[in-house]
Amino acid sequence: YRTFADLERRVGEYPKALHHGAEGVRDVTVWCSNDYLGMGHHPAV
């Protein structure tokens, strides 16, 4: 059974993100993104 991580990606902080979990909101490091080069955060994009 699949559960989804409730994440908040923030521009300029890749690969860090905020995780909304049962214990509240915390910083996490994302190691499984398909945004392989971080271009989703690139200023020009």
All heavy atoms as atom14 arrays in JSON, in Angstrom:
{
  "sequence": "YRTFADLERRVGEYPKALHHGAEGVRDVTVWCSNDYLGMGHHPAV",
  "atom14_mask": [
    [1, 1, 1, 1, 1, 1, 1, 1, 1, 1, 1, 1, 0, 0],
    [1, 1, 1, 1, 1, 1, 1, 1, 1, 1, 1, 0, 0, 0],
    [1, 1, 1, 1, 1, 1, 1, 0, 0, 0, 0, 0, 0, 0],
    [1, 1, 1, 1, 1, 1, 1, 1, 1, 1, 1, 0, 0, 0],
    [1, 1, 1, 1, 1, 0, 0, 0, 0, 0, 0, 0, 0, 0],
    [1, 1, 1, 1, 1, 1, 1, 1, 0, 0, 0, 0, 0, 0],
    [1, 1, 1, 1, 1, 1, 1, 1, 0, 0, 0, 0, 0, 0],
    [1, 1, 1, 1, 1, 1, 1, 1, 1, 0, 0, 0, 0, 0],
    [1, 1, 1, 1, 1, 1, 1, 1, 1, 1, 1, 0, 0, 0],
    [1, 1, 1, 1, 1, 1, 1, 1, 1, 1, 1, 0, 0, 0],
    [1, 1, 1, 1, 1, 1, 1, 0, 0, 0, 0, 0, 0, 0],
    [1, 1, 1, 1, 0, 0, 0, 0, 0, 0, 0, 0, 0, 0],
    [1, 1, 1, 1, 1, 1, 1, 1, 1, 0, 0, 0, 0, 0],
    [1, 1, 1, 1, 1, 1, 1, 1, 1, 1, 1, 1, 0, 0],
    [1, 1, 1, 1, 1, 1, 1, 0, 0, 0, 0, 0, 0, 0],
    [1, 1, 1, 1, 1, 1, 1, 1, 1, 0, 0, 0, 0, 0],
    [1, 1, 1, 1, 1, 0, 0, 0, 0, 0, 0, 0, 0, 0],
    [1, 1, 1, 1, 1, 1, 1, 1, 0, 0, 0, 0, 0, 0],
    [1, 1, 1, 1, 1, 1, 1, 1, 1, 1, 0, 0, 0, 0],
    [1, 1, 1, 1, 1, 1, 1, 1, 1, 1, 0, 0, 0, 0],
    [1, 1, 1, 1, 0, 0, 0, 0, 0, 0, 0, 0, 0, 0],
    [1, 1, 1, 1, 1, 0, 0, 0, 0, 0, 0, 0, 0, 0],
    [1, 1, 1, 1, 1, 1, 1, 1, 1, 0, 0, 0, 0, 0],
    [1, 1, 1, 1, 0, 0, 0, 0, 0, 0, 0, 0, 0, 0],
    [1, 1, 1, 1, 1, 1, 1, 0, 0, 0, 0, 0, 0, 0],
    [1, 1, 1, 1, 1, 1, 1, 1, 1, 1, 1, 0, 0, 0],
    [1, 1, 1, 1, 1, 1, 1, 1, 0, 0, 0, 0, 0, 0],
    [1, 1, 1, 1, 1, 1, 1, 0, 0, 0, 0, 0, 0, 0],
    [1, 1, 1, 1, 1, 1, 1, 0, 0, 0, 0, 0, 0, 0],
    [1, 1, 1, 1, 1, 1, 1, 0, 0, 0, 0, 0, 0, 0],
    [1, 1, 1, 1, 1, 1, 1, 1, 1, 1, 1, 1, 1, 1],
    [1, 1, 1, 1, 1, 1, 0, 0, 0, 0, 0, 0, 0, 0],
    [1, 1, 1, 1, 1, 1, 0, 0, 0, 0, 0, 0, 0, 0],
    [1, 1, 1, 1, 1, 1, 1, 1, 0, 0, 0, 0, 0, 0],
    [1, 1, 1, 1, 1, 1, 1, 1, 0, 0, 0, 0, 0, 0],
    [1, 1, 1, 1, 1, 1, 1, 1, 1, 1, 1, 1, 0, 0],
    [1, 1, 1, 1, 1, 1, 1, 1, 0, 0, 0, 0, 0, 0],
    [1, 1, 1, 1, 0, 0, 0, 0, 0, 0, 0, 0, 0, 0],
    [1, 1, 1, 1, 1, 1, 1, 1, 0, 0, 0, 0, 0, 0],
    [1, 1, 1, 1, 0, 0, 0, 0, 0, 0, 0, 0, 0, 0],
    [1, 1, 1, 1, 1, 1, 1, 1, 1, 1, 0, 0, 0, 0],
    [1, 1, 1, 1, 1, 1, 1, 1, 1, 1, 0, 0, 0, 0],
    [1, 1, 1, 1, 1, 1, 1, 0, 0, 0, 0, 0, 0, 0],
    [1, 1, 1, 1, 1, 0, 0, 0, 0, 0, 0, 0, 0, 0],
    [1, 1, 1, 1, 1, 1, 1, 0, 0, 0, 0, 0, 0, 0]
  ],
  "atom14_positions": [
    [[0.85, -1.19, 0.0], [0.0, 0.0, 0.0], [0.89, 1.24, 0.0], [1.87, 1.32, 0.72], [-0.9, 0.01, 1.23], [-1.85, 1.19, 1.28], [-2.99, 1.21, 0.5], [-1.59, 2.27, 2.11], [-3.87, 2.28, 0.54], [-2.45, 3.35, 2.17], [-3.59, 3.36, 1.37], [-4.45, 4.43, 1.42], [0.0, 0.0, 0.0], [0.0, 0.0, 0.0]],
    [[0.54, 2.21, -0.84], [1.38, 3.38, -1.02], [0.88, 4.57, -0.2], [-0.32, 4.84, -0.18], [1.44, 3.77, -2.5], [2.0, 2.67, -3.37], [2.0, 3.07, -4.82], [2.56, 2.0, -5.63], [3.1, 2.16, -6.83], [3.15, 3.36, -7.36], [3.57, 1.15, -7.49], [0.0, 0.0, 0.0], [0.0, 0.0, 0.0], [0.0, 0.0, 0.0]],
    [[1.79, 5.24, 0.42], [1.49, 6.51, 1.08], [2.36, 7.59, 0.46], [3.52, 7.32, 0.07], [1.74, 6.44, 2.59], [3.11, 6.09, 2.83], [0.84, 5.4, 3.25], [0.0, 0.0, 0.0], [0.0, 0.0, 0.0], [0.0, 0.0, 0.0], [0.0, 0.0, 0.0], [0.0, 0.0, 0.0], [0.0, 0.0, 0.0], [0.0, 0.0, 0.0]],
    [[1.83, 8.78, 0.35], [2.54, 9.89, -0.28], [3.11, 10.83, 0.77], [2.43, 11.17, 1.74], [1.62, 10.68, -1.2], [1.01, 9.89, -2.33], [-0.16, 10.31, -2.94], [1.62, 8.74, -2.8], [-0.72, 9.59, -3.98], [1.08, 8.01, -3.83], [-0.1, 8.44, -4.43], [0.0, 0.0, 0.0], [0.0, 0.0, 0.0], [0.0, 0.0, 0.0]],
    [[4.35, 11.21, 0.59], [4.95, 12.22, 1.47], [4.39, 13.58, 1.09], [4.38, 13.97, -0.07], [6.46, 12.21, 1.32], [0.0, 0.0, 0.0], [0.0, 0.0, 0.0], [0.0, 0.0, 0.0], [0.0, 0.0, 0.0], [0.0, 0.0, 0.0], [0.0, 0.0, 0.0], [0.0, 0.0, 0.0], [0.0, 0.0, 0.0], [0.0, 0.0, 0.0]],
    [[3.91, 14.31, 2.09], [3.33, 15.64, 1.9], [4.46, 16.66, 1.94], [4.91, 17.06, 3.01], [2.29, 15.89, 3.0], [1.54, 17.2, 2.83], [1.92, 18.0, 1.96], [0.58, 17.43, 3.58], [0.0, 0.0, 0.0], [0.0, 0.0, 0.0], [0.0, 0.0, 0.0], [0.0, 0.0, 0.0], [0.0, 0.0, 0.0], [0.0, 0.0, 0.0]],
    [[4.92, 17.06, 0.77], [6.12, 17.89, 0.67], [5.81, 19.29, 0.17], [4.87, 19.5, -0.59], [7.12, 17.25, -0.3], [7.67, 15.87, 0.06], [8.54, 15.36, -1.07], [8.44, 15.9, 1.37], [0.0, 0.0, 0.0], [0.0, 0.0, 0.0], [0.0, 0.0, 0.0], [0.0, 0.0, 0.0], [0.0, 0.0, 0.0], [0.0, 0.0, 0.0]],
    [[6.65, 20.21, 0.58], [6.61, 21.59, 0.09], [7.99, 21.93, -0.43], [8.91, 22.21, 0.34], [6.25, 22.52, 1.25], [5.26, 23.59, 0.91], [5.0, 24.52, 2.1], [4.65, 24.03, 3.17], [5.19, 25.74, 1.91], [0.0, 0.0, 0.0], [0.0, 0.0, 0.0], [0.0, 0.0, 0.0], [0.0, 0.0, 0.0], [0.0, 0.0, 0.0]],
    [[8.16, 21.85, -1.75], [9.43, 22.27, -2.36], [9.47, 23.79, -2.4], [8.49, 24.43, -2.72], [9.54, 21.7, -3.78], [9.84, 20.23, -3.82], [9.49, 19.56, -5.15], [9.79, 20.3, -6.34], [10.82, 20.06, -7.16], [11.67, 19.09, -6.89], [10.99, 20.77, -8.26], [0.0, 0.0, 0.0], [0.0, 0.0, 0.0], [0.0, 0.0, 0.0]],
    [[10.63, 24.34, -2.09], [10.76, 25.8, -2.02], [11.93, 26.24, -2.89], [13.03, 25.68, -2.82], [10.96, 26.25, -0.57], [9.8, 25.81, 0.34], [10.08, 26.13, 1.8], [9.95, 27.55, 2.06], [8.8, 28.15, 2.34], [7.68, 27.46, 2.38], [8.76, 29.45, 2.58], [0.0, 0.0, 0.0], [0.0, 0.0, 0.0], [0.0, 0.0, 0.0]],
    [[11.66, 27.24, -3.73], [12.65, 27.72, -4.68], [13.91, 28.19, -3.93], [13.83, 28.89, -2.92], [12.08, 28.87, -5.53], [13.18, 29.5, -6.39], [10.95, 28.36, -6.41], [0.0, 0.0, 0.0], [0.0, 0.0, 0.0], [0.0, 0.0, 0.0], [0.0, 0.0, 0.0], [0.0, 0.0, 0.0], [0.0, 0.0, 0.0], [0.0, 0.0, 0.0]],
    [[15.05, 27.76, -4.45], [16.32, 28.16, -3.87], [16.81, 27.25, -2.76], [17.93, 27.44, -2.28], [0.0, 0.0, 0.0], [0.0, 0.0, 0.0], [0.0, 0.0, 0.0], [0.0, 0.0, 0.0], [0.0, 0.0, 0.0], [0.0, 0.0, 0.0], [0.0, 0.0, 0.0], [0.0, 0.0, 0.0], [0.0, 0.0, 0.0], [0.0, 0.0, 0.0]],
    [[16.01, 26.27, -2.36], [16.4, 25.4, -1.26], [16.61, 23.95, -1.68], [16.9, 23.09, -0.86], [15.35, 25.47, -0.14], [15.23, 26.85, 0.47], [14.17, 26.93, 1.56], [13.73, 25.87, 2.05], [13.77, 28.05, 1.91], [0.0, 0.0, 0.0], [0.0, 0.0, 0.0], [0.0, 0.0, 0.0], [0.0, 0.0, 0.0], [0.0, 0.0, 0.0]],
    [[16.44, 23.64, -2.97], [16.64, 22.29, -3.47], [18.04, 21.79, -3.1], [19.01, 22.55, -3.22], [16.48, 22.29, -5.0], [16.8, 20.99, -5.68], [15.84, 19.99, -5.79], [18.06, 20.74, -6.21], [16.13, 18.79, -6.43], [18.36, 19.54, -6.84], [17.4, 18.58, -6.95], [17.68, 17.39, -7.56], [0.0, 0.0, 0.0], [0.0, 0.0, 0.0]],
    [[18.19, 20.54, -2.61], [17.19, 19.47, -2.5], [16.47, 19.41, -1.15], [15.95, 18.35, -0.78], [18.05, 18.23, -2.7], [19.35, 18.6, -2.04], [19.55, 20.06, -2.3], [0.0, 0.0, 0.0], [0.0, 0.0, 0.0], [0.0, 0.0, 0.0], [0.0, 0.0, 0.0], [0.0, 0.0, 0.0], [0.0, 0.0, 0.0], [0.0, 0.0, 0.0]],
    [[16.45, 20.49, -0.42], [15.7, 20.53, 0.83], [14.21, 20.79, 0.52], [13.87, 21.39, -0.49], [16.21, 21.64, 1.74], [17.71, 21.63, 1.98], [18.17, 20.37, 2.7], [19.67, 20.43, 2.98], [20.19, 19.18, 3.55], [0.0, 0.0, 0.0], [0.0, 0.0, 0.0], [0.0, 0.0, 0.0], [0.0, 0.0, 0.0], [0.0, 0.0, 0.0]],
    [[13.36, 20.32, 1.42], [11.93, 20.56, 1.3], [11.32, 20.52, 2.69], [11.96, 20.04, 3.65], [11.27, 19.51, 0.4], [0.0, 0.0, 0.0], [0.0, 0.0, 0.0], [0.0, 0.0, 0.0], [0.0, 0.0, 0.0], [0.0, 0.0, 0.0], [0.0, 0.0, 0.0], [0.0, 0.0, 0.0], [0.0, 0.0, 0.0], [0.0, 0.0, 0.0]],
    [[10.11, 21.04, 2.81], [9.36, 20.92, 4.06], [8.46, 19.7, 3.97], [7.78, 19.49, 2.97], [8.51, 22.17, 4.3], [9.27, 23.48, 4.53], [8.28, 24.62, 4.71], [10.19, 23.37, 5.74], [0.0, 0.0, 0.0], [0.0, 0.0, 0.0], [0.0, 0.0, 0.0], [0.0, 0.0, 0.0], [0.0, 0.0, 0.0], [0.0, 0.0, 0.0]],
    [[8.46, 18.9, 5.02], [7.6, 17.72, 5.09], [6.52, 17.96, 6.13], [6.81, 18.26, 7.29], [8.41, 16.47, 5.47], [7.56, 15.25, 5.65], [7.52, 14.52, 6.82], [6.69, 14.65, 4.8], [6.68, 13.52, 6.68], [6.17, 13.57, 5.47], [0.0, 0.0, 0.0], [0.0, 0.0, 0.0], [0.0, 0.0, 0.0], [0.0, 0.0, 0.0]],
    [[5.26, 17.84, 5.7], [4.12, 17.97, 6.6], [3.73, 16.58, 7.08], [3.15, 15.79, 6.32], [2.95, 18.63, 5.89], [3.22, 20.05, 5.48], [2.71, 21.13, 6.17], [3.97, 20.56, 4.47], [3.12, 22.25, 5.59], [3.88, 21.94, 4.56], [0.0, 0.0, 0.0], [0.0, 0.0, 0.0], [0.0, 0.0, 0.0], [0.0, 0.0, 0.0]],
    [[4.08, 16.25, 8.32], [3.8, 14.93, 8.87], [2.99, 14.99, 10.14], [2.56, 16.07, 10.57], [0.0, 0.0, 0.0], [0.0, 0.0, 0.0], [0.0, 0.0, 0.0], [0.0, 0.0, 0.0], [0.0, 0.0, 0.0], [0.0, 0.0, 0.0], [0.0, 0.0, 0.0], [0.0, 0.0, 0.0], [0.0, 0.0, 0.0], [0.0, 0.0, 0.0]],
    [[2.8, 13.84, 10.76], [2.0, 13.75, 11.98], [2.58, 14.57, 13.11], [1.85, 15.06, 13.98], [1.86, 12.28, 12.39], [0.0, 0.0, 0.0], [0.0, 0.0, 0.0], [0.0, 0.0, 0.0], [0.0, 0.0, 0.0], [0.0, 0.0, 0.0], [0.0, 0.0, 0.0], [0.0, 0.0, 0.0], [0.0, 0.0, 0.0], [0.0, 0.0, 0.0]],
    [[3.9, 14.73, 13.1], [4.58, 15.47, 14.17], [4.75, 16.95, 13.84], [5.43, 17.66, 14.56], [5.95, 14.84, 14.45], [5.9, 13.36, 14.8], [5.07, 13.09, 16.03], [5.17, 13.87, 17.0], [4.31, 12.11, 16.03], [0.0, 0.0, 0.0], [0.0, 0.0, 0.0], [0.0, 0.0, 0.0], [0.0, 0.0, 0.0], [0.0, 0.0, 0.0]],
    [[4.16, 17.39, 12.74], [4.27, 18.78, 12.35], [5.09, 18.94, 11.08], [5.24, 18.01, 10.29], [0.0, 0.0, 0.0], [0.0, 0.0, 0.0], [0.0, 0.0, 0.0], [0.0, 0.0, 0.0], [0.0, 0.0, 0.0], [0.0, 0.0, 0.0], [0.0, 0.0, 0.0], [0.0, 0.0, 0.0], [0.0, 0.0, 0.0], [0.0, 0.0, 0.0]],
    [[5.63, 20.13, 10.89], [6.38, 20.46, 9.67], [7.87, 20.46, 10.01], [8.29, 21.04, 11.01], [5.96, 21.84, 9.12], [6.73, 22.16, 7.84], [4.46, 21.88, 8.87], [0.0, 0.0, 0.0], [0.0, 0.0, 0.0], [0.0, 0.0, 0.0], [0.0, 0.0, 0.0], [0.0, 0.0, 0.0], [0.0, 0.0, 0.0], [0.0, 0.0, 0.0]],
    [[8.65, 19.82, 9.13], [10.09, 19.77, 9.38], [10.84, 19.79, 8.07], [10.3, 19.46, 7.0], [10.47, 18.52, 10.18], [10.12, 17.22, 9.47], [10.5, 16.01, 10.26], [11.92, 15.94, 10.56], [12.55, 14.8, 10.87], [11.87, 13.66, 10.93], [13.82, 14.8, 11.13], [0.0, 0.0, 0.0], [0.0, 0.0, 0.0], [0.0, 0.0, 0.0]],
    [[12.12, 20.17, 8.13], [12.98, 20.14, 6.95], [13.43, 18.72, 6.67], [13.79, 17.97, 7.6], [14.22, 21.01, 7.17], [13.89, 22.49, 7.18], [13.05, 22.91, 6.37], [14.49, 23.23, 8.0], [0.0, 0.0, 0.0], [0.0, 0.0, 0.0], [0.0, 0.0, 0.0], [0.0, 0.0, 0.0], [0.0, 0.0, 0.0], [0.0, 0.0, 0.0]],
    [[13.43, 18.34, 5.4], [13.98, 17.06, 4.98], [14.84, 17.27, 3.75], [14.72, 18.28, 3.05], [12.88, 16.02, 4.67], [12.04, 15.73, 5.91], [11.99, 16.48, 3.52], [0.0, 0.0, 0.0], [0.0, 0.0, 0.0], [0.0, 0.0, 0.0], [0.0, 0.0, 0.0], [0.0, 0.0, 0.0], [0.0, 0.0, 0.0], [0.0, 0.0, 0.0]],
    [[15.72, 16.31, 3.49], [16.52, 16.3, 2.26], [15.95, 15.25, 1.33], [15.82, 14.08, 1.72], [17.99, 16.0, 2.56], [18.48, 16.96, 3.5], [18.83, 16.07, 1.29], [0.0, 0.0, 0.0], [0.0, 0.0, 0.0], [0.0, 0.0, 0.0], [0.0, 0.0, 0.0], [0.0, 0.0, 0.0], [0.0, 0.0, 0.0], [0.0, 0.0, 0.0]],
    [[15.62, 15.65, 0.13], [15.01, 14.75, -0.85], [16.1, 14.05, -1.64], [16.96, 14.7, -2.24], [14.07, 15.53, -1.8], [13.44, 14.59, -2.83], [12.98, 16.25, -1.0], [0.0, 0.0, 0.0], [0.0, 0.0, 0.0], [0.0, 0.0, 0.0], [0.0, 0.0, 0.0], [0.0, 0.0, 0.0], [0.0, 0.0, 0.0], [0.0, 0.0, 0.0]],
    [[16.03, 12.7, -1.67], [17.02, 11.89, -2.37], [16.4, 11.03, -3.47], [17.07, 10.12, -3.98], [17.76, 11.0, -1.39], [18.88, 11.69, -0.68], [18.87, 12.22, 0.58], [20.2, 11.91, -1.19], [20.09, 12.77, 0.88], [20.93, 12.59, -0.19], [20.84, 11.61, -2.39], [22.26, 12.97, -0.35], [22.16, 11.99, -2.56], [22.86, 12.65, -1.55]],
    [[15.16, 11.28, -3.84], [14.51, 10.4, -4.82], [13.79, 11.18, -5.9], [12.93, 10.64, -6.6], [13.54, 9.45, -4.12], [12.29, 10.27, -3.09], [0.0, 0.0, 0.0], [0.0, 0.0, 0.0], [0.0, 0.0, 0.0], [0.0, 0.0, 0.0], [0.0, 0.0, 0.0], [0.0, 0.0, 0.0], [0.0, 0.0, 0.0], [0.0, 0.0, 0.0]],
    [[14.12, 12.44, -6.07], [13.41, 13.27, -7.04], [13.82, 12.93, -8.47], [14.98, 12.61, -8.75], [13.7, 14.75, -6.78], [13.1, 15.56, -7.76], [0.0, 0.0, 0.0], [0.0, 0.0, 0.0], [0.0, 0.0, 0.0], [0.0, 0.0, 0.0], [0.0, 0.0, 0.0], [0.0, 0.0, 0.0], [0.0, 0.0, 0.0], [0.0, 0.0, 0.0]],
    [[12.85, 13.02, -9.38], [13.15, 12.93, -10.81], [13.49, 14.29, -11.42], [13.76, 14.38, -12.62], [11.98, 12.31, -11.57], [11.93, 10.8, -11.41], [12.91, 10.18, -11.02], [10.79, 10.21, -11.7], [0.0, 0.0, 0.0], [0.0, 0.0, 0.0], [0.0, 0.0, 0.0], [0.0, 0.0, 0.0], [0.0, 0.0, 0.0], [0.0, 0.0, 0.0]],
    [[13.44, 15.34, -10.62], [13.95, 16.64, -11.05], [15.47, 16.54, -10.92], [16.11, 17.14, -10.07], [13.38, 17.74, -10.16], [13.74, 19.15, -10.63], [14.46, 19.27, -11.64], [13.32, 20.11, -9.98], [0.0, 0.0, 0.0], [0.0, 0.0, 0.0], [0.0, 0.0, 0.0], [0.0, 0.0, 0.0], [0.0, 0.0, 0.0], [0.0, 0.0, 0.0]],
    [[16.04, 15.73, -11.81], [17.4, 15.23, -11.64], [18.45, 16.32, -11.51], [19.45, 16.15, -10.81], [17.77, 14.34, -12.83], [17.01, 13.05, -12.94], [16.44, 12.66, -14.15], [16.88, 12.19, -11.85], [15.75, 11.47, -14.27], [16.19, 10.99, -11.96], [15.63, 10.64, -13.18], [14.96, 9.44, -13.28], [0.0, 0.0, 0.0], [0.0, 0.0, 0.0]],
    [[18.25, 17.44, -12.2], [19.25, 18.5, -12.23], [18.82, 19.75, -11.46], [19.51, 20.76, -11.5], [19.58, 18.87, -13.68], [20.13, 17.73, -14.53], [20.34, 18.19, -15.98], [21.45, 17.19, -13.96], [0.0, 0.0, 0.0], [0.0, 0.0, 0.0], [0.0, 0.0, 0.0], [0.0, 0.0, 0.0], [0.0, 0.0, 0.0], [0.0, 0.0, 0.0]],
    [[17.67, 19.68, -10.8], [17.18, 20.83, -10.05], [16.68, 21.96, -10.92], [16.54, 23.1, -10.46], [0.0, 0.0, 0.0], [0.0, 0.0, 0.0], [0.0, 0.0, 0.0], [0.0, 0.0, 0.0], [0.0, 0.0, 0.0], [0.0, 0.0, 0.0], [0.0, 0.0, 0.0], [0.0, 0.0, 0.0], [0.0, 0.0, 0.0], [0.0, 0.0, 0.0]],
    [[16.36, 21.66, -12.19], [15.93, 22.72, -13.1], [14.55, 23.27, -12.75], [14.2, 24.38, -13.18], [15.93, 22.2, -14.54], [17.32, 21.88, -15.08], [18.47, 23.28, -15.03], [17.71, 24.37, -16.23], [0.0, 0.0, 0.0], [0.0, 0.0, 0.0], [0.0, 0.0, 0.0], [0.0, 0.0, 0.0], [0.0, 0.0, 0.0], [0.0, 0.0, 0.0]],
    [[13.78, 22.54, -11.97], [12.5, 23.06, -11.51], [12.64, 24.26, -10.6], [11.66, 24.97, -10.33], [0.0, 0.0, 0.0], [0.0, 0.0, 0.0], [0.0, 0.0, 0.0], [0.0, 0.0, 0.0], [0.0, 0.0, 0.0], [0.0, 0.0, 0.0], [0.0, 0.0, 0.0], [0.0, 0.0, 0.0], [0.0, 0.0, 0.0], [0.0, 0.0, 0.0]],
    [[13.87, 24.51, -10.12], [14.16, 25.65, -9.25], [15.08, 26.66, -9.92], [15.44, 27.66, -9.3], [14.81, 25.17, -7.95], [13.95, 24.27, -7.14], [13.32, 24.66, -5.99], [13.59, 22.97, -7.32], [12.63, 23.66, -5.49], [12.77, 22.62, -6.28], [0.0, 0.0, 0.0], [0.0, 0.0, 0.0], [0.0, 0.0, 0.0], [0.0, 0.0, 0.0]],
    [[15.49, 26.4, -11.13], [16.46, 27.28, -11.77], [15.84, 28.65, -12.01], [14.71, 28.76, -12.51], [16.92, 26.68, -13.1], [18.12, 27.35, -13.68], [18.04, 28.56, -14.34], [19.43, 27.0, -13.69], [19.24, 28.92, -14.73], [20.11, 28.0, -14.35], [0.0, 0.0, 0.0], [0.0, 0.0, 0.0], [0.0, 0.0, 0.0], [0.0, 0.0, 0.0]],
    [[16.55, 29.73, -11.69], [15.96, 31.07, -11.82], [15.43, 31.39, -13.21], [14.36, 31.99, -13.35], [17.12, 31.99, -11.45], [18.01, 31.17, -10.57], [17.89, 29.77, -11.08], [0.0, 0.0, 0.0], [0.0, 0.0, 0.0], [0.0, 0.0, 0.0], [0.0, 0.0, 0.0], [0.0, 0.0, 0.0], [0.0, 0.0, 0.0], [0.0, 0.0, 0.0]],
    [[16.13, 30.97, -14.25], [15.68, 31.27, -15.61], [14.39, 30.54, -15.95], [13.52, 31.08, -16.66], [16.77, 30.9, -16.61], [0.0, 0.0, 0.0], [0.0, 0.0, 0.0], [0.0, 0.0, 0.0], [0.0, 0.0, 0.0], [0.0, 0.0, 0.0], [0.0, 0.0, 0.0], [0.0, 0.0, 0.0], [0.0, 0.0, 0.0], [0.0, 0.0, 0.0]],
    [[14.24, 29.33, -15.43], [13.04, 28.53, -15.7], [11.86, 29.08, -14.92], [10.75, 29.25, -15.46], [13.3, 27.05, -15.33], [12.04, 26.2, -15.55], [14.47, 26.5, -16.15], [0.0, 0.0, 0.0], [0.0, 0.0, 0.0], [0.0, 0.0, 0.0], [0.0, 0.0, 0.0], [0.0, 0.0, 0.0], [0.0, 0.0, 0.0], [0.0, 0.0, 0.0]]
  ]
}
